[in-house]
N, C-alpha and C. Protein backbone atom coordinates (compact mmCIF):
# COMPACT_ATOMS: atom_id res chain seq x y z
N MET A 1 53.96 140.17 95.10
CA MET A 1 54.90 139.13 95.45
C MET A 1 54.67 137.94 94.52
N ARG A 2 55.75 137.39 94.02
CA ARG A 2 55.69 136.29 93.06
C ARG A 2 55.85 134.96 93.78
N VAL A 3 55.01 134.01 93.45
CA VAL A 3 55.06 132.68 94.05
C VAL A 3 55.70 131.73 93.06
N LEU A 4 56.70 130.97 93.53
CA LEU A 4 57.38 130.00 92.68
C LEU A 4 56.56 128.72 92.58
N ARG A 5 56.51 128.17 91.43
CA ARG A 5 55.85 126.89 91.22
C ARG A 5 56.75 125.77 91.73
N PRO A 6 56.17 124.63 92.10
CA PRO A 6 56.99 123.51 92.56
C PRO A 6 58.01 123.06 91.52
N ALA A 7 57.67 123.12 90.24
CA ALA A 7 58.61 122.70 89.20
C ALA A 7 59.80 123.63 89.14
N ALA A 8 59.58 124.92 89.35
CA ALA A 8 60.67 125.89 89.33
C ALA A 8 61.60 125.68 90.52
N VAL A 9 61.02 125.38 91.67
CA VAL A 9 61.83 125.11 92.86
C VAL A 9 62.66 123.85 92.64
N LEU A 10 62.03 122.83 92.09
CA LEU A 10 62.73 121.58 91.81
C LEU A 10 63.88 121.80 90.83
N LEU A 11 63.66 122.60 89.81
CA LEU A 11 64.70 122.90 88.83
C LEU A 11 65.86 123.64 89.48
N CYS A 12 65.57 124.60 90.35
CA CYS A 12 66.63 125.34 91.06
C CYS A 12 67.46 124.40 91.92
N LEU A 13 66.79 123.50 92.63
CA LEU A 13 67.52 122.54 93.47
C LEU A 13 68.37 121.59 92.63
N LEU A 14 67.83 121.16 91.51
CA LEU A 14 68.57 120.26 90.62
C LEU A 14 69.81 120.93 90.07
N LEU A 15 69.68 122.17 89.64
CA LEU A 15 70.84 122.90 89.10
C LEU A 15 71.89 123.14 90.17
N ALA A 16 71.46 123.42 91.38
CA ALA A 16 72.41 123.64 92.47
C ALA A 16 73.16 122.35 92.82
N SER A 17 72.49 121.20 92.72
CA SER A 17 73.15 119.94 93.06
C SER A 17 74.12 119.48 91.97
N CYS A 18 73.99 120.03 90.77
CA CYS A 18 74.86 119.65 89.66
C CYS A 18 76.03 120.63 89.52
N ALA A 19 76.49 121.16 90.63
CA ALA A 19 77.59 122.12 90.60
C ALA A 19 78.83 121.46 90.00
N PRO A 20 79.63 122.23 89.27
CA PRO A 20 80.82 121.64 88.64
C PRO A 20 81.84 121.19 89.67
N ARG A 21 82.64 120.20 89.26
CA ARG A 21 83.74 119.73 90.11
C ARG A 21 84.75 120.84 90.28
N GLN A 22 85.49 120.76 91.36
CA GLN A 22 86.57 121.70 91.56
C GLN A 22 87.64 121.45 90.51
N VAL A 23 88.38 122.47 90.16
CA VAL A 23 89.46 122.34 89.20
C VAL A 23 90.78 122.48 89.96
N ARG A 24 91.70 121.56 89.72
CA ARG A 24 93.00 121.59 90.37
C ARG A 24 93.82 122.74 89.80
N PRO A 25 94.56 123.45 90.65
CA PRO A 25 95.39 124.56 90.16
C PRO A 25 96.54 124.04 89.29
N PRO A 26 97.07 124.90 88.41
CA PRO A 26 98.19 124.48 87.55
C PRO A 26 99.38 124.03 88.40
N GLY A 27 99.98 122.92 88.00
CA GLY A 27 101.14 122.39 88.70
C GLY A 27 100.79 121.47 89.87
N ALA A 28 99.53 121.40 90.24
CA ALA A 28 99.13 120.54 91.36
C ALA A 28 98.94 119.10 90.87
N LEU A 29 98.96 118.18 91.80
CA LEU A 29 98.70 116.77 91.46
C LEU A 29 97.32 116.64 90.85
N ARG A 30 97.21 115.81 89.85
CA ARG A 30 95.90 115.58 89.24
C ARG A 30 95.59 114.10 89.11
N LYS A 31 96.52 113.32 88.60
CA LYS A 31 96.29 111.91 88.28
C LYS A 31 96.84 111.06 89.43
N VAL A 32 95.93 110.43 90.19
CA VAL A 32 96.33 109.69 91.38
C VAL A 32 95.70 108.30 91.41
N VAL A 33 96.28 107.45 92.24
CA VAL A 33 95.68 106.16 92.56
C VAL A 33 95.34 106.20 94.05
N VAL A 34 94.41 105.37 94.46
CA VAL A 34 94.00 105.29 95.87
C VAL A 34 94.31 103.89 96.37
N VAL A 35 95.03 103.82 97.48
CA VAL A 35 95.33 102.54 98.12
C VAL A 35 94.88 102.66 99.58
N VAL A 36 94.05 101.72 100.01
CA VAL A 36 93.53 101.78 101.38
C VAL A 36 93.92 100.54 102.15
N GLY A 37 94.00 100.71 103.45
CA GLY A 37 94.26 99.61 104.38
C GLY A 37 93.47 99.87 105.64
N SER A 38 93.38 98.87 106.50
CA SER A 38 92.63 99.04 107.73
C SER A 38 93.16 98.12 108.82
N ARG A 39 93.37 98.70 109.98
CA ARG A 39 93.73 97.91 111.15
C ARG A 39 92.47 97.41 111.85
N VAL A 40 91.33 97.87 111.39
CA VAL A 40 90.03 97.44 111.91
C VAL A 40 89.47 96.42 110.92
N ASP A 41 89.27 95.19 111.37
CA ASP A 41 88.84 94.13 110.46
C ASP A 41 87.40 94.26 110.01
N ALA A 42 86.52 94.66 110.92
CA ALA A 42 85.11 94.77 110.57
C ALA A 42 84.45 95.86 111.39
N LEU A 43 83.55 96.57 110.75
CA LEU A 43 82.75 97.57 111.45
C LEU A 43 81.60 96.86 112.15
N PRO A 44 81.15 97.40 113.26
CA PRO A 44 80.00 96.76 113.90
C PRO A 44 78.78 96.89 113.01
N THR A 45 78.02 95.82 112.88
CA THR A 45 76.80 95.84 112.08
C THR A 45 75.64 95.51 112.99
N TYR A 46 74.51 96.11 112.69
CA TYR A 46 73.34 95.91 113.54
C TYR A 46 72.14 95.41 112.76
N THR A 47 72.31 95.17 111.48
CA THR A 47 71.18 94.70 110.70
C THR A 47 71.55 93.44 109.95
N TYR A 48 70.57 92.65 109.64
CA TYR A 48 70.75 91.42 108.89
C TYR A 48 71.34 91.72 107.51
N ARG A 49 70.84 92.79 106.86
CA ARG A 49 71.31 93.16 105.53
C ARG A 49 72.81 93.48 105.55
N GLN A 50 73.24 94.22 106.55
CA GLN A 50 74.66 94.56 106.65
C GLN A 50 75.51 93.31 106.85
N ASP A 51 75.03 92.39 107.68
CA ASP A 51 75.78 91.16 107.93
C ASP A 51 75.86 90.29 106.68
N MET A 52 74.76 90.14 105.97
CA MET A 52 74.70 89.26 104.80
C MET A 52 75.43 89.84 103.58
N MET A 53 75.39 91.15 103.42
CA MET A 53 75.99 91.76 102.24
C MET A 53 77.44 92.21 102.48
N GLY A 54 77.96 91.96 103.67
CA GLY A 54 79.34 92.31 103.94
C GLY A 54 79.57 93.80 104.05
N GLU A 55 78.56 94.54 104.43
CA GLU A 55 78.70 95.99 104.51
C GLU A 55 79.50 96.43 105.73
N GLY A 56 79.93 95.49 106.54
CA GLY A 56 80.74 95.82 107.69
C GLY A 56 82.22 95.93 107.35
N ASN A 57 82.59 95.73 106.07
CA ASN A 57 83.98 95.80 105.65
C ASN A 57 84.39 97.27 105.52
N PRO A 58 85.28 97.76 106.39
CA PRO A 58 85.65 99.18 106.32
C PRO A 58 86.45 99.52 105.07
N ARG A 59 87.17 98.57 104.51
CA ARG A 59 88.01 98.85 103.34
C ARG A 59 87.17 99.28 102.13
N SER A 60 86.01 98.65 101.94
CA SER A 60 85.17 99.02 100.81
C SER A 60 84.60 100.42 100.98
N VAL A 61 84.26 100.79 102.20
CA VAL A 61 83.77 102.15 102.47
C VAL A 61 84.89 103.16 102.23
N LEU A 62 86.09 102.84 102.71
CA LEU A 62 87.24 103.75 102.55
C LEU A 62 87.54 104.01 101.09
N VAL A 63 87.63 102.95 100.28
CA VAL A 63 88.03 103.12 98.89
C VAL A 63 86.97 103.86 98.09
N SER A 64 85.71 103.53 98.28
CA SER A 64 84.67 104.21 97.49
C SER A 64 84.52 105.67 97.88
N GLN A 65 84.58 105.98 99.17
CA GLN A 65 84.43 107.38 99.60
C GLN A 65 85.67 108.20 99.25
N ALA A 66 86.86 107.62 99.37
CA ALA A 66 88.08 108.35 98.99
C ALA A 66 88.07 108.67 97.50
N GLN A 67 87.68 107.70 96.68
CA GLN A 67 87.62 107.93 95.24
C GLN A 67 86.60 109.02 94.91
N ALA A 68 85.44 108.97 95.50
CA ALA A 68 84.40 109.97 95.22
C ALA A 68 84.83 111.36 95.66
N THR A 69 85.44 111.48 96.83
CA THR A 69 85.85 112.79 97.35
C THR A 69 87.00 113.36 96.53
N LEU A 70 87.95 112.52 96.14
CA LEU A 70 89.04 113.00 95.29
C LEU A 70 88.52 113.48 93.94
N SER A 71 87.59 112.75 93.37
CA SER A 71 87.00 113.15 92.08
C SER A 71 86.29 114.49 92.20
N GLU A 72 85.56 114.69 93.30
CA GLU A 72 84.88 115.97 93.52
C GLU A 72 85.87 117.11 93.64
N ARG A 73 87.06 116.83 94.16
CA ARG A 73 88.08 117.86 94.33
C ARG A 73 88.88 118.11 93.05
N GLY A 74 88.56 117.42 91.96
CA GLY A 74 89.22 117.66 90.69
C GLY A 74 90.35 116.70 90.37
N PHE A 75 90.61 115.73 91.24
CA PHE A 75 91.63 114.72 90.96
C PHE A 75 91.07 113.73 89.96
N GLU A 76 91.95 113.17 89.14
CA GLU A 76 91.57 112.07 88.26
C GLU A 76 92.07 110.79 88.92
N VAL A 77 91.16 109.98 89.40
CA VAL A 77 91.52 108.72 90.06
C VAL A 77 91.60 107.65 88.98
N VAL A 78 92.83 107.16 88.73
CA VAL A 78 93.04 106.21 87.64
C VAL A 78 93.12 104.76 88.11
N GLY A 79 93.07 104.54 89.41
CA GLY A 79 93.09 103.18 89.92
C GLY A 79 92.88 103.15 91.42
N THR A 80 92.32 102.05 91.90
CA THR A 80 92.12 101.86 93.34
C THR A 80 92.58 100.47 93.72
N ARG A 81 92.99 100.35 94.98
CA ARG A 81 93.43 99.04 95.47
C ARG A 81 93.08 98.95 96.95
N ILE A 82 92.57 97.80 97.32
CA ILE A 82 92.32 97.52 98.73
C ILE A 82 93.42 96.57 99.18
N SER A 83 94.27 97.05 100.07
CA SER A 83 95.37 96.24 100.57
C SER A 83 94.84 95.25 101.60
N GLN A 84 95.35 94.05 101.54
CA GLN A 84 94.96 93.04 102.52
C GLN A 84 95.72 93.22 103.83
N ALA A 85 96.83 93.95 103.76
CA ALA A 85 97.61 94.24 104.96
C ALA A 85 96.95 95.38 105.74
N PRO A 86 97.19 95.45 107.02
CA PRO A 86 96.62 96.56 107.79
C PRO A 86 97.05 97.93 107.26
N SER A 87 98.29 98.00 106.79
CA SER A 87 98.80 99.24 106.21
C SER A 87 99.54 98.89 104.93
N PRO A 88 99.20 99.52 103.81
CA PRO A 88 99.87 99.18 102.55
C PRO A 88 101.37 99.48 102.61
N THR A 89 102.17 98.66 101.95
CA THR A 89 103.61 98.90 101.90
C THR A 89 103.91 99.95 100.84
N ILE A 90 105.06 100.58 100.97
CA ILE A 90 105.49 101.57 99.98
C ILE A 90 105.63 100.91 98.61
N GLN A 91 106.16 99.69 98.58
CA GLN A 91 106.32 98.98 97.31
C GLN A 91 104.97 98.74 96.64
N GLU A 92 103.96 98.41 97.43
CA GLU A 92 102.62 98.19 96.90
C GLU A 92 102.06 99.47 96.27
N VAL A 93 102.27 100.59 96.95
CA VAL A 93 101.77 101.88 96.45
C VAL A 93 102.53 102.30 95.20
N VAL A 94 103.86 102.16 95.22
CA VAL A 94 104.68 102.54 94.06
C VAL A 94 104.32 101.69 92.84
N ALA A 95 104.11 100.40 93.05
CA ALA A 95 103.72 99.52 91.94
C ALA A 95 102.37 99.95 91.36
N MET A 96 101.45 100.33 92.21
CA MET A 96 100.14 100.80 91.76
C MET A 96 100.27 102.10 90.97
N ILE A 97 101.13 103.00 91.43
CA ILE A 97 101.36 104.27 90.72
C ILE A 97 101.94 103.99 89.33
N GLN A 98 102.95 103.13 89.27
CA GLN A 98 103.60 102.83 88.00
C GLN A 98 102.68 102.08 87.04
N ASP A 99 101.91 101.14 87.55
CA ASP A 99 100.99 100.37 86.70
C ASP A 99 99.92 101.26 86.06
N ASN A 100 99.54 102.33 86.73
CA ASN A 100 98.48 103.20 86.24
C ASN A 100 98.99 104.54 85.71
N GLU A 101 100.33 104.68 85.64
CA GLU A 101 100.96 105.90 85.15
C GLU A 101 100.41 107.14 85.85
N ALA A 102 100.31 107.05 87.17
CA ALA A 102 99.79 108.16 87.98
C ALA A 102 100.92 109.06 88.45
N GLU A 103 100.55 110.23 88.93
CA GLU A 103 101.53 111.19 89.46
C GLU A 103 101.83 110.93 90.93
N ALA A 104 100.90 110.28 91.63
CA ALA A 104 101.09 110.01 93.05
C ALA A 104 100.05 108.99 93.51
N GLY A 105 100.27 108.50 94.72
CA GLY A 105 99.31 107.59 95.33
C GLY A 105 98.76 108.20 96.61
N VAL A 106 97.47 108.14 96.77
CA VAL A 106 96.83 108.60 98.00
C VAL A 106 96.55 107.36 98.84
N VAL A 107 97.10 107.36 100.05
CA VAL A 107 96.97 106.21 100.95
C VAL A 107 96.07 106.61 102.12
N VAL A 108 95.08 105.79 102.40
CA VAL A 108 94.18 106.02 103.52
C VAL A 108 94.18 104.75 104.37
N VAL A 109 94.49 104.91 105.66
CA VAL A 109 94.54 103.77 106.57
C VAL A 109 93.64 104.07 107.77
N LEU A 110 92.72 103.16 108.02
CA LEU A 110 91.85 103.26 109.20
C LEU A 110 92.58 102.61 110.37
N ASN A 111 92.89 103.40 111.40
CA ASN A 111 93.63 102.89 112.54
C ASN A 111 92.75 102.45 113.70
N TRP A 112 91.63 103.17 113.91
CA TRP A 112 90.84 102.91 115.10
C TRP A 112 89.45 103.47 114.93
N VAL A 113 88.47 102.78 115.49
CA VAL A 113 87.08 103.22 115.46
C VAL A 113 86.47 102.97 116.83
N ASP A 114 85.72 103.95 117.33
CA ASP A 114 84.98 103.77 118.57
C ASP A 114 83.54 104.18 118.33
N VAL A 115 82.66 103.20 118.32
CA VAL A 115 81.23 103.46 118.10
C VAL A 115 80.40 103.04 119.30
N THR A 116 81.02 102.96 120.47
CA THR A 116 80.30 102.49 121.65
C THR A 116 79.14 103.40 122.01
N SER A 117 79.22 104.68 121.69
CA SER A 117 78.11 105.57 122.03
C SER A 117 77.28 105.97 120.81
N ALA A 118 77.46 105.29 119.69
CA ALA A 118 76.73 105.65 118.47
C ALA A 118 75.24 105.37 118.59
N GLN A 119 74.88 104.23 119.13
CA GLN A 119 73.47 103.87 119.23
C GLN A 119 72.71 104.73 120.24
N VAL A 120 73.40 105.18 121.28
CA VAL A 120 72.74 105.94 122.34
C VAL A 120 72.83 107.45 122.10
N MET A 121 74.04 107.94 121.78
CA MET A 121 74.26 109.38 121.65
C MET A 121 74.48 109.83 120.21
N GLY A 122 74.61 108.90 119.27
CA GLY A 122 74.85 109.26 117.89
C GLY A 122 76.26 109.78 117.66
N ARG A 123 77.21 109.31 118.46
CA ARG A 123 78.58 109.81 118.39
C ARG A 123 79.55 108.68 118.07
N ALA A 124 80.47 108.95 117.14
CA ALA A 124 81.48 107.96 116.77
C ALA A 124 82.82 108.67 116.59
N GLU A 125 83.89 107.98 116.95
CA GLU A 125 85.24 108.53 116.77
C GLU A 125 86.01 107.64 115.81
N VAL A 126 86.74 108.30 114.89
CA VAL A 126 87.50 107.58 113.87
C VAL A 126 88.90 108.17 113.82
N LEU A 127 89.91 107.31 113.80
CA LEU A 127 91.29 107.74 113.64
C LEU A 127 91.81 107.21 112.30
N LEU A 128 92.10 108.14 111.38
CA LEU A 128 92.60 107.81 110.05
C LEU A 128 93.98 108.39 109.85
N GLU A 129 94.77 107.74 109.01
CA GLU A 129 96.03 108.30 108.52
C GLU A 129 95.89 108.44 107.02
N THR A 130 96.22 109.62 106.52
CA THR A 130 96.16 109.87 105.09
C THR A 130 97.54 110.34 104.65
N GLY A 131 97.97 109.88 103.48
CA GLY A 131 99.26 110.28 102.97
C GLY A 131 99.27 110.32 101.46
N VAL A 132 100.24 111.05 100.93
CA VAL A 132 100.46 111.11 99.48
C VAL A 132 101.88 110.63 99.24
N VAL A 133 102.01 109.61 98.39
CA VAL A 133 103.30 109.00 98.08
C VAL A 133 103.66 109.30 96.63
N SER A 134 104.92 109.69 96.41
CA SER A 134 105.40 109.99 95.06
C SER A 134 105.76 108.70 94.33
N PRO A 135 105.93 108.76 93.00
CA PRO A 135 106.32 107.56 92.25
C PRO A 135 107.66 106.98 92.68
N SER A 136 108.51 107.80 93.30
CA SER A 136 109.81 107.30 93.78
C SER A 136 109.70 106.63 95.15
N GLY A 137 108.52 106.70 95.77
CA GLY A 137 108.33 106.07 97.07
C GLY A 137 108.49 107.00 98.25
N LYS A 138 108.72 108.27 98.00
CA LYS A 138 108.88 109.23 99.10
C LYS A 138 107.50 109.73 99.55
N LEU A 139 107.38 109.90 100.85
CA LEU A 139 106.16 110.43 101.42
C LEU A 139 106.14 111.94 101.20
N ARG A 140 105.21 112.42 100.38
CA ARG A 140 105.13 113.85 100.06
C ARG A 140 104.31 114.61 101.08
N TRP A 141 103.35 113.94 101.69
CA TRP A 141 102.45 114.61 102.63
C TRP A 141 101.81 113.56 103.51
N SER A 142 101.62 113.86 104.77
CA SER A 142 100.99 112.92 105.70
C SER A 142 100.15 113.68 106.71
N ASN A 143 99.04 113.08 107.11
CA ASN A 143 98.16 113.75 108.05
C ASN A 143 97.33 112.73 108.84
N PRO A 144 97.62 112.58 110.14
CA PRO A 144 96.72 111.75 110.95
C PRO A 144 95.53 112.61 111.36
N THR A 145 94.32 112.08 111.26
CA THR A 145 93.14 112.83 111.66
C THR A 145 92.29 112.02 112.62
N ARG A 146 91.79 112.71 113.61
CA ARG A 146 90.85 112.09 114.56
C ARG A 146 89.54 112.84 114.39
N THR A 147 88.54 112.14 113.93
CA THR A 147 87.25 112.76 113.64
C THR A 147 86.22 112.26 114.64
N VAL A 148 85.51 113.20 115.23
CA VAL A 148 84.37 112.87 116.08
C VAL A 148 83.13 113.27 115.30
N SER A 149 82.36 112.29 114.90
CA SER A 149 81.16 112.54 114.11
C SER A 149 79.92 112.38 114.98
N THR A 150 78.98 113.25 114.74
CA THR A 150 77.68 113.12 115.37
C THR A 150 76.70 112.79 114.26
N ILE A 151 76.02 111.68 114.41
CA ILE A 151 75.06 111.25 113.41
C ILE A 151 73.69 111.14 114.07
N GLY A 152 72.67 111.28 113.27
CA GLY A 152 71.30 111.19 113.79
C GLY A 152 71.00 109.80 114.33
N MET A 153 70.04 109.72 115.21
CA MET A 153 69.70 108.44 115.84
C MET A 153 69.20 107.43 114.81
N TYR A 154 68.38 107.87 113.87
CA TYR A 154 67.90 106.95 112.84
C TYR A 154 69.07 106.43 112.02
N GLN A 155 69.97 107.34 111.66
CA GLN A 155 71.13 106.96 110.86
C GLN A 155 72.03 106.02 111.66
N ALA A 156 72.17 106.25 112.95
CA ALA A 156 73.00 105.38 113.78
C ALA A 156 72.43 103.97 113.85
N GLN A 157 71.12 103.84 113.71
CA GLN A 157 70.50 102.53 113.78
C GLN A 157 70.43 101.84 112.43
N THR A 158 70.44 102.60 111.33
CA THR A 158 70.28 101.99 110.01
C THR A 158 71.53 101.99 109.15
N ASP A 159 72.36 103.00 109.28
CA ASP A 159 73.55 103.11 108.42
C ASP A 159 74.72 103.60 109.26
N LEU A 160 75.30 102.72 110.00
CA LEU A 160 76.38 103.08 110.92
C LEU A 160 77.65 103.48 110.18
N ARG A 161 77.76 103.14 108.88
CA ARG A 161 78.96 103.47 108.13
C ARG A 161 79.06 104.96 107.80
N SER A 162 78.01 105.71 108.00
CA SER A 162 78.02 107.13 107.64
C SER A 162 79.10 107.89 108.39
N TYR A 163 79.40 107.52 109.63
CA TYR A 163 80.45 108.20 110.38
C TYR A 163 81.81 107.98 109.72
N LEU A 164 82.02 106.80 109.14
CA LEU A 164 83.28 106.51 108.48
C LEU A 164 83.40 107.32 107.18
N ARG A 165 82.31 107.44 106.44
CA ARG A 165 82.32 108.26 105.23
C ARG A 165 82.63 109.72 105.56
N LYS A 166 82.05 110.24 106.63
CA LYS A 166 82.31 111.63 107.05
C LYS A 166 83.79 111.82 107.39
N ALA A 167 84.38 110.85 108.06
CA ALA A 167 85.79 110.94 108.43
C ALA A 167 86.69 110.93 107.21
N VAL A 168 86.37 110.09 106.22
CA VAL A 168 87.16 110.02 104.99
C VAL A 168 87.07 111.35 104.23
N VAL A 169 85.88 111.91 104.13
CA VAL A 169 85.72 113.19 103.45
C VAL A 169 86.58 114.26 104.12
N GLU A 170 86.55 114.31 105.44
CA GLU A 170 87.35 115.30 106.16
C GLU A 170 88.84 115.10 105.92
N ALA A 171 89.29 113.85 105.94
CA ALA A 171 90.71 113.56 105.74
C ALA A 171 91.15 113.90 104.31
N ILE A 172 90.34 113.57 103.32
CA ILE A 172 90.69 113.83 101.92
C ILE A 172 90.66 115.34 101.62
N GLN A 173 89.78 116.07 102.26
CA GLN A 173 89.70 117.51 102.05
C GLN A 173 91.00 118.22 102.47
N ALA A 174 91.75 117.61 103.37
CA ALA A 174 92.99 118.21 103.85
C ALA A 174 94.17 118.04 102.89
N ILE A 175 94.03 117.15 101.90
CA ILE A 175 95.14 116.91 100.96
C ILE A 175 95.36 118.16 100.12
N PRO A 176 96.61 118.62 100.04
CA PRO A 176 96.88 119.86 99.26
C PRO A 176 96.74 119.63 97.76
């Protein structure tokens, strides 16, 4: 029986983590912009660091996670925008598409968050709306998602935003 050295195991793990991005099929959307909005003004924060650094802003979590997930799926994200309105307007999305010469705009809106049982049970509920808007302003695809995330107790006490990131990943994975 052959025993693997720690360096060989580390190399195997490193190569597995560097898996290539997904490739979009021919004719599918590739070049997109991301526009996010939120009806939730602030996420609950439980640490001094989160309060001081503004990590309770759901819009920043939405835009960064949506961009990362789209990139992993093979989309080319050519621009992002955080709308100050609870829900971005069609004109705002179309202007963003035209300014960046994109094929479509991906819109993510946070409608509701319930974290009342996150500290005790590690459970959070998130209601997101995700849509794809064409350059002409027509809604090409829409999907409301309700995600119930279970997070570890340590994570619930130190990084409460993880449930929101999980919900965004799930919503973006549904985009055709």
